[in-house]
Every structure is written in structure tokens, then in C-alpha cells.
């Protein structure tokens, strides 16, 4: 008899005396599953648990993946809000990178940004000097307050779905790591791999439609949104051609249109705007969407729902990564920084497992990319 989860009491019946053997089997399965829940939950929040039980890290299943259907994930209970995280960094790597940034600042402000430093300010190449200067100051802060045996930051997670803040107790600052460039995070926190939820807004919006209407109806009612998810490069190329801009600008325009800021010169973006009512209605039905709440700070209801469902996806990602042998160190928007422990699965396998876990528990199909691999303590590139 297959077991589908639930408490032991649900397995009992008035005819238990006539079916003792079956009942005992179910009780044993319940006990096994409850123990798995306890161990996997501990793994999600404690690296010591994973270090002590590498077999669970590699072979254990996340307990919530056994629950049929999509259920609400309350971050105060099942998620990471209120939890403590730790994030190790390499002091020698931080010092070396600070020296490289400091050397780059010798250049005049209007000079070309030198080589590898360009990645620090790639979103705003013309303002690289100010961005690099700010990055250098943040590294000075990190190194100046880290005169201890272990180079580790302790973080407390605060806030609700889509509004999470990470407070770094050692630095008395919020969102310290989250405001560093990806290049700096890769070099300084070199023991961590980056698992990035790609095009999160688009995947969550379309995933909600698929969940409510089915795959075929979703493609029919949201054709351009479907194209953005199935073939994002082509969708960006189409918008770029319509507007006469780069694909990078087109990507920004697509996301803006999803949030009701549409460039009317693009027929594709107008079509995307026309599909908004469909995915907003679908999101209202999702158990993790913060619908009905009065939007604040100029944030629309649609944006608020997208953020809350994305938060559930990220929580499920982190839960799965813990079961694959990774210790979660930080959340950076839709990215999870996770450190592989002894016996951890390869990052590509862990990413595929996380995608499946999100689909099972949140009901949304996502695309998870390993933005960069863990290099190991003290390793630089």
C-alpha cells in the first residue's frame, strides 16, 4: 500500500484489529517519515547536522516533496524568516581584491575601466569609478571588523514574503552582502556556489497561469509570455528589433511591461500588457500570493504577488539545496549562495533537484542556473 503522507491518526480505522499487520506497517512508515522531516529540517538550518550526516545530504528527500498538491509556505514557520545564517569568507581573497580595486582607482574618473574590475560596475559602465570606490569601502568595512579567528558573518533574516531583510550582526548593517557586486561575492565568498532563479518574474507569472489553466490554455491565452519563458533570447531579439535597441535593453523593457510600464512602440510589449489580466488573476489563486493586501510604496498588487510567490520558490530552493548537501549562506534577490559540504551533490544535479522540488511544493516551473561554482577556501581566479 503506497503511503502518501499525513499523520498516524489518519491511518487508523475502526477495523484496525482486523488489519494489525497493515496498521503496524503504516505506523513504521509514519515514524520513518517523521524522522526524515526532523532530520531534513535540521539540515536546512544547521551545517553541523549536514556535517554529521552526509548520507542525508546526498540521498535524503525533502519532506515537503512528499506532500501532494501545492500548499502555502509561511516563511515564519516553514521558511527562513527569523532564522540565523552564517557566511564564511576568505580574508586573503578579500585583501587581494581590495588591492585590485584600489589600484584601479588610481585611474582618472573619466578613464576606461580596467579589465576585470569592469564586472563590478557592468550595469553602469560610465559610472565605474564611483561604483568601484563604494565597493572598496565596503571591503574595508568587512576587513576592518573581522579580526577574529574565524572569518564568518552571522546574519538574521527579518521580514515577510518578498520583503525579506538580512541583518549582519557582526557589521551592524542590513543587506551588506546583497549590495556587493556579483564579482566581489564570487571572489570573496569563494566557498559558495551561486544558484540563480533566472527571469523569476516571467517564470512565476507564466507558471501561475499553467498551474490554474493547464499548459495548452496557458500558451493560448499568454502567447508572448510563453515565448519569454520558453525562448527568452528570441523574445528579446524580437523586442530589440521592434524598438531598435540592444537585447539587454529589450530585457529591461520586457520586465517593465510586465509591471505596467509599456513602450507602446513595440507590438510585442503591447501584447504582453494585454496578457497581464490573465496572469494576475491566476496569481490571486495561488496559496503563496499576497493578494488582497493594500499595495504600498507604489508597488502594484501584481508585483507584490510576484514577489511573494518568488519568495516561496527561493525558500523551496534553499530547502532542496540543504538536502543535497549544501549550507545556505545568503539570499541575494532570487539567488541563493550555498556552500557544498562533504559529500554534497554536484551543483548541476542539486540545481535540477531544486527545480523539481519547487515544482512539487510551489507548483511553479523554474529555471535554475549555477551562476558560478564554489572555488574553495582561499582559491582565487
Protein backbone atom coordinates (compact mmCIF):
# COMPACT_ATOMS: atom_id res chain seq x y z
CA UNK A 1 0.00 0.00 0.00
CA UNK A 2 1.63 3.26 -1.00
CA UNK A 3 1.98 5.90 1.69
CA UNK A 4 1.06 9.46 0.76
CA UNK A 5 1.95 11.36 3.92
CA UNK A 6 -0.22 12.61 6.77
CA UNK A 7 -0.30 11.85 10.49
CA UNK A 8 -0.53 8.40 12.02
CA UNK A 9 -4.04 9.03 13.27
CA UNK A 10 -5.36 9.21 9.71
CA UNK A 11 -4.24 5.63 9.15
CA UNK A 12 -6.32 4.28 11.99
CA UNK A 13 -9.79 2.88 11.49
CA UNK A 14 -12.46 1.06 13.44
CA UNK A 15 -11.31 -2.16 11.84
CA UNK A 16 -7.71 -1.83 12.97
CA UNK A 17 -7.91 -5.01 15.00
CA UNK A 18 -8.67 -6.90 11.80
CA UNK A 19 -5.78 -5.35 9.98
CA UNK A 20 -2.98 -5.21 12.54
CA UNK A 21 -0.19 -6.08 10.15
CA UNK A 22 -1.11 -3.34 7.72
CA UNK A 23 -1.54 -0.81 10.52
CA UNK A 24 1.87 -1.64 12.00
CA UNK A 25 3.47 -1.21 8.56
CA UNK A 26 1.86 2.23 8.22
CA UNK A 27 2.95 3.23 11.72
CA UNK A 28 6.51 2.26 10.89
CA UNK A 29 6.36 4.30 7.68
CA UNK A 30 4.94 7.28 9.57
CA UNK A 31 7.76 7.07 12.11
CA UNK A 32 10.34 6.87 9.33
CA UNK A 33 8.88 9.87 7.50
CA UNK A 34 8.63 11.97 10.68
CA UNK A 35 12.26 11.23 11.42
CA UNK A 36 13.11 12.27 7.85
CA UNK A 37 11.19 15.52 8.35
CA UNK A 38 13.10 16.22 11.55
CA UNK A 39 16.49 15.50 10.01
CA UNK A 40 15.85 17.38 6.76
CA UNK A 41 14.55 20.43 8.65
CA UNK A 42 17.66 20.39 10.79
CA UNK A 43 19.76 20.12 7.65
CA UNK A 44 18.14 23.24 6.23
CA UNK A 45 19.29 25.34 9.17
CA UNK A 46 22.36 23.68 10.59
CA UNK A 47 25.59 22.87 8.83
CA UNK A 48 26.56 20.74 11.83
CA UNK A 49 23.66 18.42 11.01
CA UNK A 50 24.86 18.08 7.45
CA UNK A 51 28.44 17.52 8.53
CA UNK A 52 27.28 14.79 10.90
CA UNK A 53 25.03 13.14 8.33
CA UNK A 54 26.47 13.43 4.81
CA UNK A 55 24.35 10.45 3.77
CA UNK A 56 21.23 12.55 4.32
CA UNK A 57 22.77 15.45 2.40
CA UNK A 58 23.27 13.24 -0.63
CA UNK A 59 20.36 10.81 -0.56
CA UNK A 60 17.70 12.32 1.69
CA UNK A 61 14.48 13.66 0.23
CA UNK A 62 13.00 16.95 1.40
CA UNK A 63 9.95 16.02 3.43
CA UNK A 64 7.68 18.58 1.82
CA UNK A 65 8.26 16.99 -1.58
CA UNK A 66 6.08 14.14 -0.37
CA UNK A 67 3.03 16.35 0.15
CA UNK A 68 0.51 16.12 -2.68
CA UNK A 69 -0.62 19.41 -4.17
CA UNK A 70 0.57 22.96 -3.69
CA UNK A 71 0.29 24.38 -0.20
CA UNK A 72 1.04 27.72 1.38
CA UNK A 73 4.61 28.14 2.58
CA UNK A 74 4.58 30.51 5.56
CA UNK A 75 8.05 31.97 5.88
CA UNK A 76 7.74 32.44 9.62
CA UNK A 77 7.18 28.69 10.04
CA UNK A 78 8.43 26.69 7.06
CA UNK A 79 10.70 29.30 5.52
CA UNK A 80 13.85 31.06 6.61
CA UNK A 81 12.49 34.26 8.21
CA UNK A 82 13.75 34.60 11.77
CA UNK A 83 16.50 32.06 11.17
CA UNK A 84 20.20 32.59 11.62
CA UNK A 85 22.61 32.11 8.71
CA UNK A 86 26.38 32.18 8.59
CA UNK A 87 28.54 33.18 5.66
CA UNK A 88 32.25 32.34 5.52
CA UNK A 89 34.68 34.44 3.54
CA UNK A 90 38.36 34.28 2.64
CA UNK A 91 40.32 37.10 4.19
CA UNK A 92 43.29 36.75 1.83
CA UNK A 93 40.95 36.81 -1.19
CA UNK A 94 39.19 39.91 0.18
CA UNK A 95 42.52 41.67 0.74
CA UNK A 96 43.75 40.78 -2.74
CA UNK A 97 40.54 42.00 -4.40
CA UNK A 98 40.55 45.20 -2.34
CA UNK A 99 44.09 45.83 -3.56
CA UNK A 100 42.99 45.32 -7.16
CA UNK A 101 40.09 47.76 -6.75
CA UNK A 102 42.30 50.31 -5.03
CA UNK A 103 44.84 50.10 -7.85
CA UNK A 104 42.05 50.68 -10.37
CA UNK A 105 41.05 53.89 -8.57
CA UNK A 106 44.44 55.38 -9.45
CA UNK A 107 42.98 55.93 -12.91
CA UNK A 108 41.25 59.21 -13.58
CA UNK A 109 37.47 59.18 -13.21
CA UNK A 110 36.93 59.55 -16.95
CA UNK A 111 39.42 56.83 -17.91
CA UNK A 112 38.40 53.46 -19.26
CA UNK A 113 37.60 50.92 -16.56
CA UNK A 114 40.48 48.42 -16.35
CA UNK A 115 39.89 44.75 -17.24
CA UNK A 116 38.48 42.53 -14.52
CA UNK A 117 37.26 45.47 -12.43
CA UNK A 118 34.70 46.24 -15.13
CA UNK A 119 32.48 43.43 -13.83
CA UNK A 120 31.94 45.38 -10.61
CA UNK A 121 30.11 48.13 -12.50
CA UNK A 122 28.91 46.37 -15.64
CA UNK A 123 25.36 47.68 -15.19
CA UNK A 124 26.64 51.23 -15.31
CA UNK A 125 29.97 51.28 -17.19
CA UNK A 126 30.11 55.07 -17.38
CA UNK A 127 29.94 55.37 -13.59
CA UNK A 128 32.53 52.72 -12.82
CA UNK A 129 34.75 54.95 -10.68
CA UNK A 130 32.07 55.73 -8.09
CA UNK A 131 30.87 52.13 -8.06
CA UNK A 132 34.36 50.71 -7.55
CA UNK A 133 35.08 53.31 -4.88
CA UNK A 134 31.97 52.25 -2.98
CA UNK A 135 32.87 48.56 -3.36
CA UNK A 136 36.34 49.21 -1.96
CA UNK A 137 34.87 50.97 1.09
CA UNK A 138 32.59 48.03 1.78
CA UNK A 139 35.53 45.63 1.66
CA UNK A 140 37.44 47.88 4.06
CA UNK A 141 34.47 47.64 6.41
CA UNK A 142 34.43 43.87 6.12
CA UNK A 143 38.15 43.50 6.78
CA UNK A 144 38.23 46.15 9.49
CA UNK A 145 35.70 44.38 11.69
CA UNK A 146 36.85 40.83 11.08
CA UNK A 147 39.84 40.48 13.37
CA UNK A 148 38.78 37.13 14.77
CA UNK A 149 39.90 33.53 14.38
CA UNK A 150 37.07 32.58 12.04
CA UNK A 151 36.18 34.74 9.05
CA UNK A 152 32.41 34.43 9.16
CA UNK A 153 29.43 36.78 9.08
CA UNK A 154 26.34 35.99 11.14
CA UNK A 155 23.04 37.05 9.65
CA UNK A 156 19.47 37.22 10.96
CA UNK A 157 16.64 37.12 8.42
CA UNK A 158 13.76 39.51 9.02
CA UNK A 159 10.59 40.48 7.18
CA UNK A 160 7.75 38.83 5.31
CA UNK A 161 7.32 37.26 1.88
CA UNK A 162 9.02 39.27 -0.83
CA UNK A 163 10.21 41.81 1.75
CA UNK A 164 12.99 39.93 3.46
CA UNK A 165 15.91 41.81 5.03
CA UNK A 166 19.18 40.20 6.07
CA UNK A 167 20.82 41.88 9.04
CA UNK A 168 24.53 41.22 9.57
CA UNK A 169 25.12 41.32 13.30
CA UNK A 170 28.93 41.44 13.04
CA UNK A 171 28.78 44.60 10.91
CA UNK A 172 25.61 46.13 12.40
CA UNK A 173 24.36 46.58 8.83
CA UNK A 174 21.44 45.30 6.82
CA UNK A 175 21.80 43.92 3.29
CA UNK A 176 25.60 44.21 3.35
CA UNK A 177 26.35 41.20 1.16
CA UNK A 178 23.32 41.86 -1.04
CA UNK A 179 24.73 45.23 -2.14
CA UNK A 180 28.09 43.83 -3.18
CA UNK A 181 28.64 43.12 -6.86
CA UNK A 182 28.40 39.53 -8.07
CA UNK A 183 32.09 39.63 -8.98
CA UNK A 184 33.05 40.61 -5.44
CA UNK A 185 30.81 37.94 -3.92
CA UNK A 186 32.32 35.31 -6.20
CA UNK A 187 35.88 36.23 -5.22
CA UNK A 188 35.49 36.92 -1.51
CA UNK A 189 32.93 34.26 -0.57
CA UNK A 190 34.73 31.72 -2.68
CA UNK A 191 33.48 28.63 -0.85
CA UNK A 192 29.96 29.28 -2.14
CA UNK A 193 28.20 28.43 -5.37
CA UNK A 194 25.51 30.74 -6.70
CA UNK A 195 22.14 29.21 -7.63
CA UNK A 196 20.20 31.83 -9.57
CA UNK A 197 16.48 31.75 -10.39
CA UNK A 198 16.51 33.05 -13.96
CA UNK A 199 13.84 35.50 -15.20
CA UNK A 200 11.95 34.98 -11.96
CA UNK A 201 9.07 37.40 -12.65
CA UNK A 202 8.37 35.86 -16.05
CA UNK A 203 8.54 32.26 -14.85
CA UNK A 204 6.33 32.91 -11.82
CA UNK A 205 3.72 34.82 -13.84
CA UNK A 206 3.53 32.14 -16.53
CA UNK A 207 3.83 29.30 -14.03
CA UNK A 208 0.77 30.58 -12.18
CA UNK A 209 -1.23 30.53 -15.42
CA UNK A 210 -0.06 26.99 -16.20
CA UNK A 211 -0.99 25.87 -12.72
CA UNK A 212 -4.52 27.28 -12.97
CA UNK A 213 -5.39 26.70 -16.64
CA UNK A 214 -3.06 23.96 -17.83
CA UNK A 215 -0.18 24.12 -20.32
CA UNK A 216 -2.23 24.32 -23.52
CA UNK A 217 -4.60 27.04 -22.30
CA UNK A 218 -1.65 28.98 -20.87
CA UNK A 219 0.05 29.06 -24.28
CA UNK A 220 -3.18 30.16 -25.96
CA UNK A 221 -4.02 32.96 -23.54
CA UNK A 222 -0.47 34.21 -22.90
CA UNK A 223 1.47 33.55 -26.13
CA UNK A 224 4.12 36.23 -25.71
CA UNK A 225 4.66 35.47 -22.02
CA UNK A 226 5.01 31.82 -23.01
CA UNK A 227 7.63 32.81 -25.58
CA UNK A 228 9.55 34.79 -22.96
CA UNK A 229 9.76 31.67 -20.80
CA UNK A 230 10.33 29.04 -23.49
CA UNK A 231 12.74 31.04 -25.66
CA UNK A 232 13.84 34.21 -23.86
CA UNK A 233 16.63 35.02 -26.33
CA UNK A 234 14.19 35.06 -29.24
CA UNK A 235 11.67 37.17 -27.32
CA UNK A 236 14.35 39.75 -26.51
CA UNK A 237 15.56 39.77 -30.11
CA UNK A 238 12.03 40.46 -31.36
CA UNK A 239 11.54 43.38 -28.95
CA UNK A 240 15.03 44.70 -29.69
CA UNK A 241 14.24 44.74 -33.43
CA UNK A 242 10.91 46.49 -32.85
CA UNK A 243 12.48 49.21 -30.70
CA UNK A 244 15.88 49.43 -32.36
CA UNK A 245 17.72 48.75 -29.09
CA UNK A 246 20.11 46.13 -27.71
CA UNK A 247 18.83 42.83 -26.33
CA UNK A 248 19.94 43.94 -22.87
CA UNK A 249 17.67 46.97 -23.10
CA UNK A 250 14.93 44.78 -24.55
CA UNK A 251 15.14 42.51 -21.50
CA UNK A 252 14.58 45.53 -19.25
CA UNK A 253 11.67 46.68 -21.39
CA UNK A 254 10.00 43.26 -21.15
CA UNK A 255 10.19 43.28 -17.35
CA UNK A 256 8.92 46.86 -17.26
CA UNK A 257 5.93 45.88 -19.39
CA UNK A 258 5.18 43.04 -17.02
CA UNK A 259 4.88 45.73 -14.35
CA UNK A 260 2.63 48.00 -16.43
CA UNK A 261 5.31 50.31 -17.86
CA UNK A 262 4.97 49.59 -21.57
CA UNK A 263 6.84 51.06 -24.52
CA UNK A 264 3.96 51.32 -26.97
CA UNK A 265 6.28 51.34 -29.99
CA UNK A 266 6.66 47.57 -29.59
CA UNK A 267 3.73 45.41 -30.69
CA UNK A 268 5.12 42.53 -28.64
CA UNK A 269 5.21 44.60 -25.46
CA UNK A 270 1.65 45.75 -26.09
CA UNK A 271 0.67 42.09 -26.39
CA UNK A 272 2.43 41.33 -23.12
CA UNK A 273 0.49 44.13 -21.43
CA UNK A 274 -2.71 42.63 -22.82
CA UNK A 275 -1.89 39.32 -21.11
CA UNK A 276 -1.50 40.92 -17.68
CA UNK A 277 -5.08 40.34 -16.51
CA UNK A 278 -4.69 36.60 -17.15
CA UNK A 279 -1.60 36.04 -15.02
CA UNK A 280 -2.71 38.44 -12.29
CA UNK A 281 -6.00 36.51 -11.97
CA UNK A 282 -4.07 33.24 -11.86
CA UNK A 283 -1.71 34.53 -9.17
CA UNK A 284 -4.66 35.54 -6.98
CA UNK A 285 -5.50 31.84 -6.78
CA UNK A 286 -2.00 30.79 -5.72
CA UNK A 287 -1.75 29.93 -2.00
CA UNK A 288 1.53 31.83 -1.63
CA UNK A 289 0.44 35.05 -3.35
CA UNK A 290 -0.04 38.04 -1.05
CA UNK A 291 -3.25 39.11 -2.78
CA UNK A 292 -5.85 41.33 -1.20
CA UNK A 293 -3.22 43.32 0.70
CA UNK A 294 -3.19 47.02 0.00
CA UNK A 295 -0.10 47.75 -2.15
CA UNK A 296 2.33 50.17 -0.50
CA UNK A 297 5.19 52.29 -1.70
CA UNK A 298 3.90 52.40 -5.26
CA UNK A 299 4.06 48.62 -5.62
CA UNK A 300 1.18 47.14 -7.60
CA UNK A 301 -0.81 44.13 -6.48
CA UNK A 302 0.66 42.11 -9.34
CA UNK A 303 4.22 42.95 -8.32
CA UNK A 304 3.51 42.15 -4.68
CA UNK A 305 2.08 38.75 -5.63
CA UNK A 306 5.03 38.01 -7.89
CA UNK A 307 7.45 38.81 -5.07
CA UNK A 308 5.66 36.64 -2.54
CA UNK A 309 5.47 33.60 -4.83
CA UNK A 310 9.12 34.10 -5.83
CA UNK A 311 9.98 34.15 -2.13
CA UNK A 312 8.27 30.77 -1.73
CA UNK A 313 10.25 29.45 -4.71
CA UNK A 314 13.53 30.65 -3.22
CA UNK A 315 12.69 29.12 0.16
CA UNK A 316 11.95 25.79 -1.54
CA UNK A 317 15.22 26.07 -3.49
CA UNK A 318 17.13 26.54 -0.24
CA UNK A 319 15.32 23.64 1.38
CA UNK A 320 16.26 21.35 -1.50
CA UNK A 321 19.87 22.53 -1.60
CA UNK A 322 20.21 21.68 2.10
CA UNK A 323 19.01 18.16 1.32
CA UNK A 324 21.62 17.95 -1.46
CA UNK A 325 24.44 18.69 0.96
CA UNK A 326 24.73 22.48 0.78
CA UNK A 327 24.74 25.01 3.60
CA UNK A 328 22.80 28.15 2.67
CA UNK A 329 24.79 31.28 3.46
CA UNK A 330 22.83 34.14 1.92
CA UNK A 331 19.87 35.12 -0.23
CA UNK A 332 20.56 37.77 -2.87
CA UNK A 333 17.27 38.67 -4.57
CA UNK A 334 16.42 35.45 -6.49
CA UNK A 335 19.86 33.94 -5.91
CA UNK A 336 20.90 31.51 -3.17
CA UNK A 337 24.54 31.38 -2.11
CA UNK A 338 25.22 27.87 -0.82
CA UNK A 339 28.39 26.13 0.35
CA UNK A 340 28.92 22.48 -0.62
CA UNK A 341 29.73 20.31 2.39
CA UNK A 342 31.44 16.93 2.47
CA UNK A 343 29.55 14.51 0.24
CA UNK A 344 27.47 17.21 -1.45
CA UNK A 345 25.97 16.52 -4.84
CA UNK A 346 27.37 18.21 -7.93
CA UNK A 347 25.89 21.67 -8.36
CA UNK A 348 24.20 20.75 -11.65
CA UNK A 349 22.42 17.81 -10.04
CA UNK A 350 21.49 19.88 -6.98
CA UNK A 351 20.03 22.55 -9.29
CA UNK A 352 17.85 20.03 -11.15
CA UNK A 353 16.63 18.58 -7.85
CA UNK A 354 15.79 22.06 -6.62
CA UNK A 355 13.79 22.79 -9.78
CA UNK A 356 11.77 19.60 -9.25
CA UNK A 357 11.26 20.40 -5.57
CA UNK A 358 9.95 23.89 -6.36
CA UNK A 359 7.56 22.43 -8.93
CA UNK A 360 6.26 19.90 -6.41
CA UNK A 361 5.87 22.23 -3.44
CA UNK A 362 5.10 25.62 -5.02
CA UNK A 363 3.62 24.46 -8.33
CA UNK A 364 5.84 26.71 -10.46
CA UNK A 365 8.26 25.54 -13.15
CA UNK A 366 11.52 27.45 -12.76
CA UNK A 367 14.91 27.55 -14.48
CA UNK A 368 17.77 27.44 -12.03
CA UNK A 369 21.25 28.37 -13.21
CA UNK A 370 24.54 27.86 -11.43
CA UNK A 371 25.89 31.38 -11.95
CA UNK A 372 29.28 30.42 -10.58
CA UNK A 373 30.78 27.42 -8.82
CA UNK A 374 32.36 27.24 -5.39
CA UNK A 375 36.09 27.71 -5.76
CA UNK A 376 37.11 26.51 -2.32
CA UNK A 377 38.70 28.28 0.60
CA UNK A 378 41.50 30.57 -0.46
CA UNK A 379 41.19 29.75 -4.15
CA UNK A 380 41.26 32.75 -6.45
CA UNK A 381 40.77 33.16 -10.20
